Amino acid sequence: MLQQIAWADEIRDPGEFAILDKPVELDPKAEKMAHALVESMLGEFNHVEHTDTYVERVRELVNAKAAGTPVTVREEKAATEDVSDLLAKLEESVRRHPAGKGTAKAKTKTPARKRSPAA
């Protein structure tokens, strides 16, 4: 879902962007593709299809509290696994995966032995 908020502190002066001082060359194929993408996304907006569930839940909570109904707060589940060494866990995951066999460590060639002259 796309959302656009135009608060005063979020609007930036176009002069801040140095790229606007330079002429922009567009590839005709890329421009045509961009137009096609925008055209494919256009349509009638039906506000009934989009609901703000957060606002609805807050309203329900406020109404419940105003009515004197006891409100219980769901507690967040604590992380049960130690992720202090994430890289080691990722490497182990790659080693365990069937498609990743042998890709976790770089393979090195053993140097060829020098042959002694035939006696």
N, C-alpha and C. Protein backbone atom coordinates (compact mmCIF):
# COMPACT_ATOMS: atom_id res chain seq x y z
N MET A 1 0.85 -1.16 0.00
CA MET A 1 0.00 0.00 0.00
C MET A 1 0.90 1.23 0.00
N LEU A 2 0.54 2.21 -0.79
CA LEU A 2 1.33 3.43 -0.86
C LEU A 2 0.67 4.51 -0.02
N GLN A 3 1.47 5.30 0.67
CA GLN A 3 0.92 6.38 1.48
C GLN A 3 1.81 7.60 1.29
N GLN A 4 1.18 8.75 1.14
CA GLN A 4 1.95 9.99 0.96
C GLN A 4 1.48 10.99 1.98
N ILE A 5 2.41 11.51 2.76
CA ILE A 5 2.11 12.55 3.74
C ILE A 5 2.96 13.75 3.38
N ALA A 6 2.34 14.89 3.30
CA ALA A 6 3.06 16.11 2.94
C ALA A 6 3.08 17.08 4.11
N TRP A 7 3.79 16.72 5.17
CA TRP A 7 3.97 17.62 6.30
C TRP A 7 5.03 18.64 5.92
N ALA A 8 4.97 19.81 6.47
CA ALA A 8 5.90 20.89 6.12
C ALA A 8 7.35 20.48 6.33
N ASP A 9 7.64 19.72 7.39
CA ASP A 9 9.03 19.33 7.64
C ASP A 9 9.52 18.25 6.69
N GLU A 10 8.63 17.64 5.91
CA GLU A 10 9.02 16.61 4.95
C GLU A 10 9.22 17.15 3.55
N ILE A 11 8.80 18.38 3.31
CA ILE A 11 8.94 18.98 1.98
C ILE A 11 10.28 19.68 1.91
N ARG A 12 11.07 19.31 0.91
CA ARG A 12 12.41 19.88 0.78
C ARG A 12 12.45 20.86 -0.38
N ASP A 13 13.31 21.83 -0.24
CA ASP A 13 13.50 22.83 -1.28
C ASP A 13 14.17 22.17 -2.48
N PRO A 14 13.62 22.31 -3.69
CA PRO A 14 14.23 21.68 -4.87
C PRO A 14 15.67 22.13 -5.11
N GLY A 15 16.05 23.29 -4.62
CA GLY A 15 17.42 23.78 -4.78
C GLY A 15 18.44 22.92 -4.06
N GLU A 16 18.00 22.05 -3.14
CA GLU A 16 18.92 21.18 -2.41
C GLU A 16 19.50 20.08 -3.29
N PHE A 17 18.85 19.81 -4.41
CA PHE A 17 19.26 18.71 -5.25
C PHE A 17 20.12 19.21 -6.40
N ALA A 18 21.41 18.88 -6.38
CA ALA A 18 22.34 19.34 -7.40
C ALA A 18 22.00 18.77 -8.77
N ILE A 19 21.37 17.62 -8.82
CA ILE A 19 21.07 16.98 -10.09
C ILE A 19 20.09 17.80 -10.93
N LEU A 20 19.30 18.67 -10.29
CA LEU A 20 18.32 19.46 -11.02
C LEU A 20 18.98 20.54 -11.87
N ASP A 21 20.25 20.85 -11.60
CA ASP A 21 20.95 21.86 -12.38
C ASP A 21 21.46 21.30 -13.70
N LYS A 22 21.52 19.98 -13.83
CA LYS A 22 22.08 19.35 -15.02
C LYS A 22 20.95 18.87 -15.92
N PRO A 23 21.14 18.99 -17.23
CA PRO A 23 20.11 18.44 -18.13
C PRO A 23 20.09 16.92 -18.04
N VAL A 24 18.91 16.35 -18.11
CA VAL A 24 18.75 14.91 -17.97
C VAL A 24 18.47 14.30 -19.33
N GLU A 25 19.26 13.29 -19.69
CA GLU A 25 19.06 12.57 -20.95
C GLU A 25 18.31 11.28 -20.63
N LEU A 26 17.19 11.08 -21.26
CA LEU A 26 16.41 9.87 -21.04
C LEU A 26 16.53 8.95 -22.24
N ASP A 27 16.71 7.68 -21.95
CA ASP A 27 16.71 6.67 -22.99
C ASP A 27 15.26 6.50 -23.44
N PRO A 28 14.98 6.64 -24.74
CA PRO A 28 13.60 6.54 -25.21
C PRO A 28 12.91 5.23 -24.80
N LYS A 29 13.64 4.12 -24.81
CA LYS A 29 13.06 2.84 -24.41
C LYS A 29 12.68 2.85 -22.93
N ALA A 30 13.57 3.40 -22.09
CA ALA A 30 13.31 3.45 -20.65
C ALA A 30 12.13 4.38 -20.36
N GLU A 31 12.06 5.48 -21.08
CA GLU A 31 10.95 6.42 -20.89
C GLU A 31 9.62 5.77 -21.29
N LYS A 32 9.62 5.05 -22.40
CA LYS A 32 8.41 4.37 -22.86
C LYS A 32 7.98 3.31 -21.84
N MET A 33 8.96 2.57 -21.30
CA MET A 33 8.66 1.55 -20.31
C MET A 33 8.11 2.19 -19.03
N ALA A 34 8.66 3.33 -18.62
CA ALA A 34 8.19 4.02 -17.42
C ALA A 34 6.75 4.48 -17.60
N HIS A 35 6.45 5.02 -18.78
CA HIS A 35 5.08 5.45 -19.07
C HIS A 35 4.12 4.25 -19.03
N ALA A 36 4.55 3.13 -19.59
CA ALA A 36 3.71 1.93 -19.60
C ALA A 36 3.46 1.44 -18.18
N LEU A 37 4.48 1.51 -17.33
CA LEU A 37 4.34 1.08 -15.94
C LEU A 37 3.34 1.95 -15.20
N VAL A 38 3.47 3.26 -15.37
CA VAL A 38 2.55 4.18 -14.71
C VAL A 38 1.13 3.96 -15.22
N GLU A 39 0.97 3.81 -16.52
CA GLU A 39 -0.36 3.59 -17.10
C GLU A 39 -0.98 2.30 -16.56
N SER A 40 -0.15 1.26 -16.37
CA SER A 40 -0.69 -0.01 -15.88
C SER A 40 -1.14 0.09 -14.42
N MET A 41 -0.60 1.05 -13.68
CA MET A 41 -0.95 1.21 -12.28
C MET A 41 -2.12 2.16 -12.07
N LEU A 42 -2.51 2.88 -13.10
CA LEU A 42 -3.61 3.83 -12.96
C LEU A 42 -4.94 3.10 -12.83
N GLY A 43 -5.83 3.69 -12.12
CA GLY A 43 -7.16 3.11 -11.96
C GLY A 43 -7.97 3.97 -11.03
N GLU A 44 -9.22 3.63 -10.92
CA GLU A 44 -10.10 4.36 -10.01
C GLU A 44 -9.77 3.97 -8.58
N PHE A 45 -9.74 4.95 -7.70
CA PHE A 45 -9.48 4.69 -6.29
C PHE A 45 -10.79 4.47 -5.58
N ASN A 46 -10.90 3.33 -4.92
CA ASN A 46 -12.08 3.01 -4.15
C ASN A 46 -11.67 2.93 -2.68
N HIS A 47 -12.02 3.96 -1.92
CA HIS A 47 -11.58 4.03 -0.52
C HIS A 47 -12.13 2.89 0.33
N VAL A 48 -13.20 2.25 -0.10
CA VAL A 48 -13.79 1.16 0.67
C VAL A 48 -12.85 -0.06 0.69
N GLU A 49 -12.05 -0.21 -0.37
CA GLU A 49 -11.13 -1.35 -0.45
C GLU A 49 -9.95 -1.22 0.50
N HIS A 50 -9.69 -0.01 0.97
CA HIS A 50 -8.52 0.25 1.81
C HIS A 50 -8.99 0.71 3.18
N THR A 51 -8.61 -0.01 4.21
CA THR A 51 -8.98 0.37 5.56
C THR A 51 -7.73 0.52 6.41
N ASP A 52 -7.82 1.44 7.35
CA ASP A 52 -6.71 1.67 8.28
C ASP A 52 -6.99 0.86 9.53
N THR A 53 -6.46 -0.35 9.59
CA THR A 53 -6.75 -1.25 10.70
C THR A 53 -6.17 -0.74 12.02
N TYR A 54 -5.08 0.01 11.96
CA TYR A 54 -4.49 0.55 13.18
C TYR A 54 -5.46 1.53 13.85
N VAL A 55 -6.00 2.45 13.05
CA VAL A 55 -6.94 3.43 13.60
C VAL A 55 -8.18 2.72 14.14
N GLU A 56 -8.65 1.70 13.43
CA GLU A 56 -9.81 0.94 13.90
C GLU A 56 -9.54 0.29 15.24
N ARG A 57 -8.36 -0.30 15.39
CA ARG A 57 -8.02 -0.97 16.65
C ARG A 57 -7.88 0.03 17.79
N VAL A 58 -7.31 1.21 17.52
CA VAL A 58 -7.19 2.23 18.56
C VAL A 58 -8.57 2.71 18.97
N ARG A 59 -9.46 2.92 17.99
CA ARG A 59 -10.84 3.34 18.30
C ARG A 59 -11.53 2.31 19.20
N GLU A 60 -11.38 1.02 18.85
CA GLU A 60 -11.98 -0.04 19.66
C GLU A 60 -11.44 -0.02 21.08
N LEU A 61 -10.13 0.21 21.22
CA LEU A 61 -9.51 0.27 22.54
C LEU A 61 -10.05 1.45 23.34
N VAL A 62 -10.13 2.61 22.71
CA VAL A 62 -10.64 3.80 23.40
C VAL A 62 -12.08 3.60 23.82
N ASN A 63 -12.90 3.05 22.92
CA ASN A 63 -14.31 2.82 23.25
C ASN A 63 -14.45 1.81 24.39
N ALA A 64 -13.63 0.76 24.38
CA ALA A 64 -13.67 -0.25 25.44
C ALA A 64 -13.30 0.37 26.78
N LYS A 65 -12.24 1.19 26.78
CA LYS A 65 -11.82 1.83 28.03
C LYS A 65 -12.88 2.81 28.51
N ALA A 66 -13.52 3.54 27.58
CA ALA A 66 -14.55 4.50 27.96
C ALA A 66 -15.77 3.79 28.54
N ALA A 67 -16.03 2.57 28.06
CA ALA A 67 -17.17 1.80 28.55
C ALA A 67 -16.83 1.07 29.86
N GLY A 68 -15.59 1.15 30.30
CA GLY A 68 -15.19 0.51 31.54
C GLY A 68 -14.82 -0.95 31.39
N THR A 69 -14.70 -1.42 30.15
CA THR A 69 -14.32 -2.81 29.91
C THR A 69 -12.83 -2.98 30.21
N PRO A 70 -12.45 -4.02 30.96
CA PRO A 70 -11.03 -4.23 31.21
C PRO A 70 -10.29 -4.57 29.91
N VAL A 71 -9.15 -3.96 29.73
CA VAL A 71 -8.36 -4.13 28.50
C VAL A 71 -7.08 -4.87 28.86
N THR A 72 -6.80 -5.94 28.11
CA THR A 72 -5.55 -6.67 28.33
C THR A 72 -4.60 -6.35 27.18
N VAL A 73 -3.35 -6.22 27.52
CA VAL A 73 -2.32 -5.90 26.53
C VAL A 73 -1.53 -7.17 26.25
N ARG A 74 -1.40 -7.47 24.96
CA ARG A 74 -0.62 -8.63 24.55
C ARG A 74 0.86 -8.33 24.74
N GLU A 75 1.58 -9.24 25.35
CA GLU A 75 3.00 -9.02 25.55
C GLU A 75 3.79 -9.56 24.38
N GLU A 76 4.87 -8.87 24.05
CA GLU A 76 5.75 -9.30 22.97
C GLU A 76 6.51 -10.55 23.40
N LYS A 77 6.70 -11.45 22.46
CA LYS A 77 7.49 -12.64 22.76
C LYS A 77 8.97 -12.26 22.75
N ALA A 78 9.68 -12.72 23.74
CA ALA A 78 11.11 -12.46 23.82
C ALA A 78 11.85 -13.36 22.85
N ALA A 79 12.93 -12.85 22.31
CA ALA A 79 13.75 -13.65 21.41
C ALA A 79 14.34 -14.81 22.20
N THR A 80 14.19 -16.02 21.68
CA THR A 80 14.66 -17.19 22.42
C THR A 80 16.03 -17.66 21.95
N GLU A 81 16.46 -17.19 20.80
CA GLU A 81 17.73 -17.67 20.25
C GLU A 81 18.77 -16.56 20.31
N ASP A 82 19.98 -16.94 20.68
CA ASP A 82 21.09 -16.00 20.73
C ASP A 82 21.58 -15.73 19.31
N VAL A 83 21.54 -14.49 18.89
CA VAL A 83 21.98 -14.15 17.54
C VAL A 83 23.23 -13.28 17.58
N SER A 84 24.03 -13.45 18.62
CA SER A 84 25.21 -12.63 18.78
C SER A 84 26.23 -12.86 17.68
N ASP A 85 26.32 -14.08 17.15
CA ASP A 85 27.26 -14.35 16.08
C ASP A 85 26.47 -14.73 14.83
N LEU A 86 25.89 -13.72 14.21
CA LEU A 86 25.01 -13.94 13.07
C LEU A 86 25.75 -14.54 11.88
N LEU A 87 26.98 -14.09 11.63
CA LEU A 87 27.74 -14.60 10.50
C LEU A 87 27.98 -16.11 10.63
N ALA A 88 28.33 -16.57 11.81
CA ALA A 88 28.56 -18.00 12.02
C ALA A 88 27.28 -18.79 11.79
N LYS A 89 26.16 -18.25 12.23
CA LYS A 89 24.87 -18.93 12.03
C LYS A 89 24.51 -18.98 10.55
N LEU A 90 24.79 -17.92 9.80
CA LEU A 90 24.53 -17.92 8.37
C LEU A 90 25.40 -18.94 7.65
N GLU A 91 26.68 -18.98 8.01
CA GLU A 91 27.58 -19.95 7.39
C GLU A 91 27.14 -21.37 7.68
N GLU A 92 26.70 -21.63 8.92
CA GLU A 92 26.22 -22.96 9.28
C GLU A 92 24.97 -23.31 8.49
N SER A 93 24.10 -22.33 8.30
CA SER A 93 22.88 -22.55 7.53
C SER A 93 23.21 -22.91 6.08
N VAL A 94 24.19 -22.24 5.51
CA VAL A 94 24.61 -22.53 4.13
C VAL A 94 25.21 -23.93 4.05
N ARG A 95 26.01 -24.31 5.04
CA ARG A 95 26.61 -25.64 5.04
C ARG A 95 25.55 -26.73 5.14
N ARG A 96 24.49 -26.50 5.92
CA ARG A 96 23.45 -27.51 6.11
C ARG A 96 22.52 -27.63 4.91
N HIS A 97 22.39 -26.59 4.12
CA HIS A 97 21.46 -26.61 2.98
C HIS A 97 22.04 -27.47 1.87
N PRO A 98 21.22 -28.36 1.25
CA PRO A 98 21.73 -29.26 0.21
C PRO A 98 22.35 -28.52 -0.97
N ALA A 99 21.79 -27.40 -1.37
CA ALA A 99 22.34 -26.66 -2.51
C ALA A 99 23.62 -25.93 -2.14
N GLY A 100 23.88 -25.75 -0.86
CA GLY A 100 25.04 -24.98 -0.44
C GLY A 100 26.22 -25.84 -0.04
N LYS A 101 26.18 -27.12 -0.31
CA LYS A 101 27.28 -28.00 0.08
C LYS A 101 28.58 -27.52 -0.57
N GLY A 102 29.56 -27.27 0.29
CA GLY A 102 30.88 -26.91 -0.21
C GLY A 102 31.01 -25.45 -0.60
N THR A 103 29.96 -24.65 -0.47
CA THR A 103 30.08 -23.25 -0.87
C THR A 103 30.44 -22.34 0.29
N ALA A 104 30.37 -22.83 1.50
CA ALA A 104 30.64 -21.99 2.66
C ALA A 104 32.12 -21.65 2.77
N LYS A 105 32.97 -22.58 2.40
CA LYS A 105 34.42 -22.34 2.47
C LYS A 105 34.99 -22.36 1.07
N ALA A 106 35.96 -21.51 0.84
CA ALA A 106 36.59 -21.47 -0.48
C ALA A 106 37.43 -22.74 -0.67
N LYS A 107 37.31 -23.33 -1.82
CA LYS A 107 38.09 -24.53 -2.10
C LYS A 107 39.48 -24.10 -2.58
N THR A 108 40.50 -24.76 -2.06
CA THR A 108 41.86 -24.43 -2.44
C THR A 108 42.50 -25.65 -3.09
N LYS A 109 43.32 -25.37 -4.09
CA LYS A 109 44.03 -26.46 -4.76
C LYS A 109 45.31 -26.75 -3.99
N THR A 110 45.65 -28.01 -3.94
CA THR A 110 46.93 -28.36 -3.33
C THR A 110 47.99 -28.25 -4.42
N PRO A 111 49.13 -27.68 -4.09
CA PRO A 111 50.16 -27.50 -5.12
C PRO A 111 50.67 -28.86 -5.63
N ALA A 112 50.99 -28.90 -6.90
CA ALA A 112 51.51 -30.14 -7.50
C ALA A 112 52.91 -30.40 -6.96
N ARG A 113 53.24 -31.68 -6.79
CA ARG A 113 54.57 -32.04 -6.29
C ARG A 113 55.56 -31.96 -7.44
N LYS A 114 56.72 -31.51 -7.09
CA LYS A 114 57.78 -31.49 -8.09
C LYS A 114 58.32 -32.90 -8.25
N ARG A 115 58.51 -33.27 -9.49
CA ARG A 115 59.05 -34.61 -9.74
C ARG A 115 60.57 -34.55 -9.79
N SER A 116 61.12 -35.53 -9.19
CA SER A 116 62.60 -35.59 -9.24
C SER A 116 62.98 -36.21 -10.58
N PRO A 117 64.12 -35.82 -11.11
CA PRO A 117 64.56 -36.38 -12.38
C PRO A 117 64.67 -37.91 -12.28
N ALA A 118 64.32 -38.57 -13.33
CA ALA A 118 64.37 -40.04 -13.34
C ALA A 118 65.80 -40.49 -13.17
N ALA A 119 66.01 -41.49 -12.35
CA ALA A 119 67.37 -41.95 -12.08
C ALA A 119 67.70 -43.16 -12.87
